[in-house]
Amino acid sequence: MEMDKLKQNMQKNVREDIAISKWKEEMHMKNRKNKKIIYGVLGSCAMLILGIGIITIQLPFGQNNETLLQAKMEKDDLSKEKETLKTEININKLDEKALVEYVIDAQMRKIDAKESMVDLSFAIEAKLPKDFEENCSVVGIYVKGENPKKYDVLQNYEFRYKNKAETRIITLGIGFRERKPMRDYYFADVKKVSKIGDVELKITQYEDSYLVIFSDKAVNYDIETRGITQDELIEFLTSLISNSKSYEQITAKEEDVNVKEQTNFSDKTYPEYYAGTYVDKQGDNVVLLKVDTKENRKEICSKLSITESKTKFEVAKYSYEYLTQLQNKISEKMTKKELPFVISSSIIEDKNWIEVQVTTNKESELKKIKELDTIGGAISIRYSKDGTAKTDMLREKD
């Protein structure tokens, strides 16, 4: 009995499959007939269909999910095809002989790119190698403006992408109009030009590092990498250029090109208790104070135009006024070429010190820098070989 029942079920399934197959064939024939009718109407009433053709074509297909899905896939494929940029890559492979060093006088401040007055989403969402961390650190590079004692002009933004072990790194500098990202070295004799889409780039390779410089839509780009492959570099550059925006699209307002200065003191001096300000990884304002009191918190938040309840406070050793004066001393000696081994110097507010990059590790030379620090411990020295940092910090101990 069970065998008979099984046979009956199998015969039933076969009959149902045949019926479904015939139904599909009939529907297919109807669709073909509908198409022939439509084509006939189009041939005899071209002008009429031109006005209502979209409605007529949609009627026989409107309830066919497979057809609609296919149309969507074709549209997506077309969109992807448009996004594909034609590339022509020419790498300039140079050695250290082509290296040209520059002296930089600037200040570095951590910022929150998502809270910035400009739209930097295209850089935040750039295509990165799979082993890279999702979050990137962002700083603003500030130079001196009309006031020779203050770093209050934003020169460029700098993004730093990396893997967890920090063995593979991509650094992206972004500046607007005449302001180009600052760096302490370049390569001379870069003759070969690459092209991604309509954008021309100069790509240099030195050992396991790449240096890429280009401009597009009044935005200047400067990319430096370490430990990534050429394919990963091209993928990063292509995604950056594909999603790039013009200067007008990136900046909210003309007057906002200079990000609002974090310090806003009317007398252009800093209170002795104030030690600096930065934005942490959570996007919160952090204010450093030498003396942490209720009165100082209230006053400094008023001067900085920030909300006290949404601000974190930390105690620091060096006042911002002291760090600024120390930075000015170093800059002056760099200008006078009294410290030829110093490549760059900048105030790192979240560390509450000045970071100085040098090309020597001789104690006699480093002493010339440390002597400027009358308190002691406010200077962090980083040794750099051929313009690229190779060793750990040589920070003076307290």
Protein backbone atom coordinates (compact mmCIF):
# COMPACT_ATOMS: atom_id res chain seq x y z
CA MET A 1 0.00 0.00 0.00
CA GLU A 2 2.76 2.42 0.88
CA MET A 3 4.49 1.73 -2.44
CA ASP A 4 1.25 2.43 -4.35
CA LYS A 5 0.76 5.67 -2.44
CA LEU A 6 4.31 6.76 -3.23
CA LYS A 7 3.78 6.07 -6.94
CA GLN A 8 0.57 8.10 -6.90
CA ASN A 9 2.34 11.08 -5.31
CA MET A 10 5.14 10.90 -7.87
CA GLN A 11 2.63 10.81 -10.74
CA LYS A 12 0.81 13.78 -9.23
CA ASN A 13 4.05 15.79 -9.00
CA VAL A 14 4.90 14.96 -12.62
CA ARG A 15 1.47 16.11 -13.78
CA GLU A 16 1.82 19.35 -11.79
CA ASP A 17 5.28 19.99 -13.27
CA ILE A 18 3.92 19.43 -16.78
CA ALA A 19 1.00 21.78 -16.10
CA ILE A 20 3.33 24.47 -14.74
CA SER A 21 5.63 24.05 -17.72
CA LYS A 22 2.71 24.47 -20.14
CA TRP A 23 1.50 27.53 -18.22
CA LYS A 24 4.94 29.14 -18.44
CA GLU A 25 5.08 28.37 -22.16
CA GLU A 26 1.65 29.93 -22.69
CA MET A 27 2.67 33.03 -20.71
CA HIS A 28 5.85 33.25 -22.76
CA MET A 29 3.81 33.06 -26.00
CA LYS A 30 1.45 35.75 -24.73
CA ASN A 31 4.35 38.01 -23.91
CA ARG A 32 5.78 37.47 -27.39
CA LYS A 33 2.39 38.28 -28.93
CA ASN A 34 2.10 41.40 -26.75
CA LYS A 35 5.54 42.52 -27.91
CA LYS A 36 4.54 41.99 -31.57
CA ILE A 37 1.40 44.04 -31.02
CA ILE A 38 3.40 46.83 -29.38
CA TYR A 39 5.95 46.87 -32.16
CA GLY A 40 3.12 47.04 -34.73
CA VAL A 41 1.57 49.99 -32.92
CA LEU A 42 4.95 51.69 -32.70
CA GLY A 43 5.45 51.24 -36.44
CA SER A 44 2.12 52.80 -37.41
CA CYS A 45 1.66 55.40 -34.64
CA ALA A 46 5.19 56.54 -33.87
CA MET A 47 4.28 60.10 -32.90
CA LEU A 48 1.46 59.00 -30.57
CA ILE A 49 3.61 56.42 -28.83
CA LEU A 50 6.36 58.98 -28.38
CA GLY A 51 4.08 60.76 -25.93
CA ILE A 52 2.68 57.75 -24.05
CA GLY A 53 5.23 55.07 -24.93
CA ILE A 54 6.48 54.66 -21.38
CA ILE A 55 3.01 53.73 -20.10
CA THR A 56 2.33 51.33 -23.00
CA ILE A 57 5.60 49.47 -22.53
CA GLN A 58 5.14 49.12 -18.78
CA LEU A 59 1.71 47.48 -18.99
CA PRO A 60 2.75 44.00 -20.18
CA PHE A 61 5.81 43.92 -17.88
CA GLY A 62 4.57 45.76 -14.81
CA GLN A 63 3.66 42.60 -12.93
CA ASN A 64 6.70 40.61 -14.01
CA ASN A 65 9.18 40.79 -11.08
CA GLU A 66 11.90 38.97 -13.03
CA THR A 67 11.77 41.53 -15.82
CA LEU A 68 11.89 44.45 -13.40
CA LEU A 69 14.82 42.87 -11.53
CA GLN A 70 16.67 42.31 -14.81
CA ALA A 71 16.10 45.95 -15.78
CA LYS A 72 17.46 47.09 -12.40
CA MET A 73 20.55 44.89 -12.78
CA GLU A 74 21.21 46.29 -16.23
CA LYS A 75 20.86 49.83 -14.85
CA ASP A 76 23.27 49.04 -12.01
CA ASP A 77 25.76 47.53 -14.45
CA LEU A 78 25.55 50.67 -16.58
CA SER A 79 26.12 52.80 -13.50
CA LYS A 80 29.18 50.75 -12.54
CA GLU A 81 30.49 51.03 -16.07
CA LYS A 82 30.29 54.80 -15.85
CA GLU A 83 32.18 54.74 -12.53
CA THR A 84 35.02 52.70 -14.02
CA LEU A 85 37.86 55.09 -14.75
CA LYS A 86 40.38 54.49 -17.48
CA THR A 87 43.83 54.29 -15.92
CA GLU A 88 47.32 54.78 -17.28
CA ILE A 89 49.93 54.20 -14.58
CA ASN A 90 53.57 55.27 -14.89
CA ILE A 91 55.67 54.85 -11.75
CA ASN A 92 58.76 57.03 -11.23
CA LYS A 93 61.20 54.77 -9.35
CA LEU A 94 63.75 57.02 -7.67
CA ASP A 95 66.45 56.71 -5.04
CA GLU A 96 67.49 58.93 -2.14
CA LYS A 97 69.62 61.07 -4.45
CA ALA A 98 66.44 62.64 -5.81
CA LEU A 99 65.21 63.48 -2.31
CA VAL A 100 64.74 67.19 -1.53
CA GLU A 101 64.08 68.22 2.08
CA TYR A 102 62.09 71.23 3.29
CA VAL A 103 61.77 73.02 6.61
CA ILE A 104 58.23 73.12 8.01
CA ASP A 105 56.92 75.58 10.59
CA ALA A 106 53.44 74.39 11.50
CA GLN A 107 51.18 73.13 14.26
CA MET A 108 49.20 69.92 14.25
CA ARG A 109 45.79 69.57 15.92
CA LYS A 110 43.51 66.56 16.08
CA ILE A 111 40.04 67.16 14.65
CA ASP A 112 36.80 65.27 14.06
CA ALA A 113 36.30 65.09 10.29
CA LYS A 114 32.59 64.29 10.69
CA GLU A 115 32.04 67.47 12.71
CA SER A 116 34.12 69.66 10.42
CA MET A 117 32.60 72.61 8.57
CA VAL A 118 33.64 70.99 5.30
CA ASP A 119 32.43 67.71 3.75
CA LEU A 120 35.28 65.21 3.97
CA SER A 121 33.14 62.09 3.53
CA PHE A 122 34.89 61.15 0.27
CA ALA A 123 38.15 60.75 2.20
CA ILE A 124 36.56 58.93 5.14
CA GLU A 125 34.91 56.43 2.77
CA ALA A 126 37.93 55.82 0.52
CA LYS A 127 38.59 52.19 -0.49
CA LEU A 128 41.24 50.73 1.84
CA PRO A 129 43.09 47.40 1.93
CA LYS A 130 41.09 44.68 3.73
CA ASP A 131 43.40 44.50 6.76
CA PHE A 132 43.16 48.24 7.49
CA GLU A 133 41.18 49.56 10.46
CA GLU A 134 37.82 51.19 9.68
CA ASN A 135 38.52 54.37 11.62
CA CYS A 136 41.18 56.84 10.52
CA SER A 137 42.81 59.63 12.52
CA VAL A 138 42.49 63.16 11.20
CA VAL A 139 44.51 66.26 12.05
CA GLY A 140 44.58 69.83 10.85
CA ILE A 141 47.93 71.38 9.86
CA TYR A 142 47.99 75.04 10.90
CA VAL A 143 50.46 77.76 9.89
CA LYS A 144 50.94 81.35 11.02
CA GLY A 145 48.71 84.06 9.62
CA GLU A 146 48.79 87.79 10.32
CA ASN A 147 49.76 87.17 13.92
CA PRO A 148 53.35 85.80 13.89
CA LYS A 149 52.82 84.29 17.32
CA LYS A 150 49.76 82.20 16.50
CA TYR A 151 49.14 79.19 14.25
CA ASP A 152 45.64 80.15 13.21
CA VAL A 153 45.47 79.42 9.46
CA LEU A 154 44.43 75.93 8.35
CA GLN A 155 46.83 74.85 5.61
CA ASN A 156 45.46 71.35 5.03
CA TYR A 157 43.82 68.28 6.51
CA GLU A 158 45.77 65.06 7.00
CA PHE A 159 44.16 61.60 7.18
CA ARG A 160 46.08 58.57 8.45
CA TYR A 161 44.83 55.07 7.60
CA LYS A 162 46.62 51.97 8.95
CA ASN A 163 46.41 48.29 9.79
CA LYS A 164 46.36 47.20 13.42
CA ALA A 165 50.09 46.46 13.54
CA GLU A 166 50.85 49.85 11.89
CA THR A 167 53.14 48.13 9.39
CA ARG A 168 51.01 49.32 6.46
CA ILE A 169 50.05 52.99 6.35
CA ILE A 170 48.40 55.48 3.98
CA THR A 171 48.66 59.20 4.74
CA LEU A 172 46.38 61.53 2.77
CA GLY A 173 46.80 65.30 2.77
CA ILE A 174 44.00 67.52 1.42
CA GLY A 175 44.32 71.26 0.77
CA PHE A 176 42.10 73.74 -1.07
CA ARG A 177 42.86 76.14 -3.91
CA GLU A 178 46.34 77.64 -3.48
CA ARG A 179 46.94 75.75 -0.22
CA LYS A 180 48.78 72.52 -0.86
CA PRO A 181 49.41 69.83 1.77
CA MET A 182 52.67 70.42 3.61
CA ARG A 183 55.44 67.85 3.75
CA ASP A 184 59.10 67.90 4.75
CA TYR A 185 60.45 66.22 1.61
CA TYR A 186 59.78 65.78 -2.10
CA PHE A 187 61.42 63.96 -4.98
CA ALA A 188 63.01 65.83 -7.87
CA ASP A 189 63.07 64.62 -11.51
CA VAL A 190 59.52 63.24 -11.44
CA LYS A 191 58.87 63.18 -15.20
CA LYS A 192 56.41 60.36 -15.87
CA VAL A 193 52.74 61.24 -15.51
CA SER A 194 49.94 58.80 -14.69
CA LYS A 195 46.26 59.24 -15.45
CA ILE A 196 43.09 58.03 -13.73
CA GLY A 197 40.06 59.21 -15.65
CA ASP A 198 40.81 62.81 -16.62
CA VAL A 199 43.06 63.42 -13.60
CA GLU A 200 46.84 63.55 -14.02
CA LEU A 201 49.00 62.26 -11.17
CA LYS A 202 52.69 62.09 -10.37
CA ILE A 203 53.52 58.79 -8.67
CA THR A 204 56.93 58.13 -7.15
CA GLN A 205 58.18 54.88 -5.63
CA TYR A 206 61.02 54.73 -3.13
CA GLU A 207 61.72 51.29 -1.61
CA ASP A 208 58.33 50.09 -0.22
CA SER A 209 56.78 53.57 -0.20
CA TYR A 210 54.78 55.53 -2.75
CA LEU A 211 54.32 59.29 -3.00
CA VAL A 212 51.40 60.60 -5.10
CA ILE A 213 50.62 64.26 -5.84
CA PHE A 214 47.72 65.61 -7.91
CA SER A 215 45.01 68.27 -8.02
CA ASP A 216 41.38 67.95 -9.08
CA LYS A 217 38.52 70.49 -9.03
CA ALA A 218 40.52 73.03 -6.97
CA VAL A 219 41.37 70.38 -4.35
CA ASN A 220 45.02 69.39 -3.81
CA TYR A 221 45.95 65.83 -2.81
CA ASP A 222 49.16 64.45 -1.33
CA ILE A 223 49.37 60.70 -0.61
CA GLU A 224 52.23 58.87 1.05
CA THR A 225 52.15 55.12 1.71
CA ARG A 226 54.23 52.48 3.40
CA GLY A 227 54.01 48.73 2.94
CA ILE A 228 51.10 48.59 0.49
CA THR A 229 51.14 47.10 -3.02
CA GLN A 230 50.79 48.99 -6.28
CA ASP A 231 47.36 47.42 -6.89
CA GLU A 232 46.15 48.56 -3.45
CA LEU A 233 47.46 52.05 -4.17
CA ILE A 234 45.65 52.27 -7.52
CA GLU A 235 42.43 50.98 -5.94
CA PHE A 236 42.67 53.64 -3.22
CA LEU A 237 43.38 56.41 -5.73
CA THR A 238 40.58 55.30 -8.06
CA SER A 239 37.99 55.29 -5.25
CA LEU A 240 39.22 58.69 -4.10
CA ILE A 241 38.94 60.23 -7.56
CA SER A 242 35.62 58.49 -8.33
CA ASN A 243 34.02 59.96 -5.19
CA SER A 244 35.87 63.29 -5.24
CA LYS A 245 33.98 66.56 -4.98
CA SER A 246 34.75 70.05 -6.16
CA TYR A 247 35.99 72.76 -3.82
CA GLU A 248 32.52 74.37 -3.87
CA GLN A 249 30.87 71.07 -2.91
CA ILE A 250 33.32 70.35 -0.10
CA THR A 251 33.31 73.74 1.58
CA ALA A 252 30.16 74.87 3.33
CA LYS A 253 30.84 78.58 2.92
CA GLU A 254 33.62 80.68 1.43
CA GLU A 255 34.51 82.10 4.84
CA ASP A 256 34.71 78.62 6.36
CA VAL A 257 37.82 77.54 4.42
CA ASN A 258 39.70 78.34 7.59
CA VAL A 259 38.09 76.08 10.14
CA LYS A 260 36.90 78.08 13.11
CA GLU A 261 39.87 78.65 15.34
CA GLN A 262 39.58 76.68 18.56
CA THR A 263 41.04 79.50 20.61
CA ASN A 264 39.23 82.83 20.62
CA PHE A 265 40.98 85.13 23.08
CA SER A 266 40.35 88.83 22.52
CA ASP A 267 43.76 89.90 23.83
CA LYS A 268 45.54 87.27 21.66
CA THR A 269 47.13 85.70 24.74
CA TYR A 270 46.32 82.51 26.59
CA PRO A 271 45.50 82.16 30.29
CA GLU A 272 48.34 80.60 32.23
CA TYR A 273 46.14 77.70 33.34
CA TYR A 274 45.14 76.79 29.72
CA ALA A 275 47.21 73.96 28.16
CA GLY A 276 45.44 73.16 24.87
CA THR A 277 42.35 71.70 23.21
CA TYR A 278 41.70 68.73 20.94
CA VAL A 279 38.91 66.38 19.82
CA ASP A 280 39.19 62.73 20.95
CA LYS A 281 38.27 59.58 19.02
CA GLN A 282 34.70 59.74 20.35
CA GLY A 283 34.31 63.23 18.89
CA ASP A 284 34.27 64.99 22.28
CA ASN A 285 36.06 68.26 23.04
CA VAL A 286 38.94 67.78 25.48
CA VAL A 287 40.40 70.82 27.24
CA LEU A 288 43.77 70.58 28.97
CA LEU A 289 44.26 72.65 32.13
CA LYS A 290 47.32 73.19 34.29
CA VAL A 291 45.03 74.06 37.18
CA ASP A 292 41.65 72.34 37.06
CA THR A 293 39.06 74.40 38.97
CA LYS A 294 35.37 75.18 38.44
CA GLU A 295 36.23 78.80 37.75
CA ASN A 296 38.85 77.90 35.13
CA ARG A 297 36.51 75.42 33.44
CA LYS A 298 33.71 77.95 33.17
CA GLU A 299 35.97 80.75 31.92
CA ILE A 300 37.83 78.68 29.33
CA CYS A 301 34.62 77.18 27.88
CA SER A 302 33.24 80.70 27.50
CA LYS A 303 36.40 81.85 25.72
CA LEU A 304 36.43 78.78 23.46
CA SER A 305 32.68 79.04 22.75
CA ILE A 306 32.05 75.43 23.78
CA THR A 307 29.54 73.83 26.19
CA GLU A 308 31.03 72.89 29.54
CA SER A 309 28.65 69.92 30.06
CA LYS A 310 29.80 68.38 26.76
CA THR A 311 33.51 68.91 27.37
CA LYS A 312 36.09 66.64 28.97
CA PHE A 313 38.88 68.12 31.10
CA GLU A 314 42.38 66.79 31.70
CA VAL A 315 45.31 68.08 33.72
CA ALA A 316 48.50 68.87 31.77
CA LYS A 317 51.97 70.09 32.73
CA TYR A 318 52.73 72.77 30.14
CA SER A 319 50.63 75.83 29.40
CA TYR A 320 49.69 76.51 25.82
CA GLU A 321 51.38 79.88 26.05
CA TYR A 322 54.65 78.19 27.03
CA LEU A 323 54.42 75.66 24.17
CA THR A 324 53.69 78.46 21.70
CA GLN A 325 56.67 80.51 22.85
CA LEU A 326 58.90 77.42 22.70
CA GLN A 327 57.67 76.61 19.20
CA ASN A 328 58.45 80.19 18.11
CA LYS A 329 62.01 79.84 19.43
CA ILE A 330 62.54 76.64 17.45
CA SER A 331 61.01 78.18 14.31
CA GLU A 332 63.22 81.24 14.56
CA LYS A 333 66.37 79.13 14.80
CA MET A 334 65.20 76.97 11.90
CA THR A 335 64.70 80.09 9.79
CA LYS A 336 68.17 81.31 10.65
CA LYS A 337 69.55 77.86 9.78
CA GLU A 338 70.96 77.46 13.27
CA LEU A 339 69.34 74.03 13.47
CA PRO A 340 70.01 72.56 9.99
CA PHE A 341 69.30 69.03 11.22
CA VAL A 342 65.69 69.91 12.20
CA ILE A 343 63.12 69.01 9.52
CA SER A 344 59.88 70.02 11.23
CA SER A 345 58.46 71.20 14.52
CA SER A 346 54.83 71.23 15.65
CA ILE A 347 52.71 71.47 18.79
CA ILE A 348 50.84 68.22 19.52
CA GLU A 349 48.02 69.40 21.77
CA ASP A 350 46.67 66.01 22.86
CA LYS A 351 50.20 65.04 24.00
CA ASN A 352 50.90 68.45 25.53
CA TRP A 353 54.34 68.65 23.96
CA ILE A 354 56.24 69.82 20.88
CA GLU A 355 57.32 67.16 18.41
CA VAL A 356 60.56 67.90 16.57
CA GLN A 357 61.72 65.73 13.67
CA VAL A 358 65.50 65.61 13.16
CA THR A 359 68.02 63.94 10.87
CA THR A 360 70.67 63.38 13.54
CA ASN A 361 70.87 61.38 16.73
CA LYS A 362 74.02 63.04 18.04
CA GLU A 363 73.48 64.14 21.61
CA SER A 364 75.56 67.30 21.06
CA GLU A 365 73.15 68.41 18.33
CA LEU A 366 70.00 67.40 20.19
CA LYS A 367 71.21 69.38 23.18
CA LYS A 368 70.82 72.59 21.14
CA ILE A 369 67.10 71.88 20.90
CA LYS A 370 66.59 70.77 24.49
CA GLU A 371 68.30 73.90 25.85
CA LEU A 372 65.40 75.96 24.48
CA ASP A 373 63.04 74.13 26.84
CA THR A 374 63.61 75.96 30.12
CA ILE A 375 61.13 73.79 32.05
CA GLY A 376 62.28 70.47 30.60
CA GLY A 377 60.38 67.54 29.08
CA ALA A 378 58.23 69.62 26.73
CA ILE A 379 60.03 68.50 23.56
CA SER A 380 59.61 65.09 21.93
CA ILE A 381 62.38 64.39 19.40
CA ARG A 382 61.85 61.97 16.52
CA TYR A 383 64.81 60.76 14.53
CA SER A 384 64.24 60.62 10.78
CA LYS A 385 66.49 59.13 8.11
CA ASP A 386 66.24 60.63 4.63
CA GLY A 387 62.99 62.37 5.54
CA THR A 388 61.23 59.18 6.64
CA ALA A 389 60.85 58.26 10.31
CA LYS A 390 62.73 55.03 11.02
CA THR A 391 63.14 54.81 14.78
CA ASP A 392 61.19 55.29 17.98
CA MET A 393 60.79 58.55 19.83
CA LEU A 394 63.83 59.99 21.58
CA ARG A 395 61.66 61.96 23.99
CA GLU A 396 63.46 63.57 26.87
CA LYS A 397 62.42 62.13 30.22
CA ASP A 398 61.11 64.39 32.95
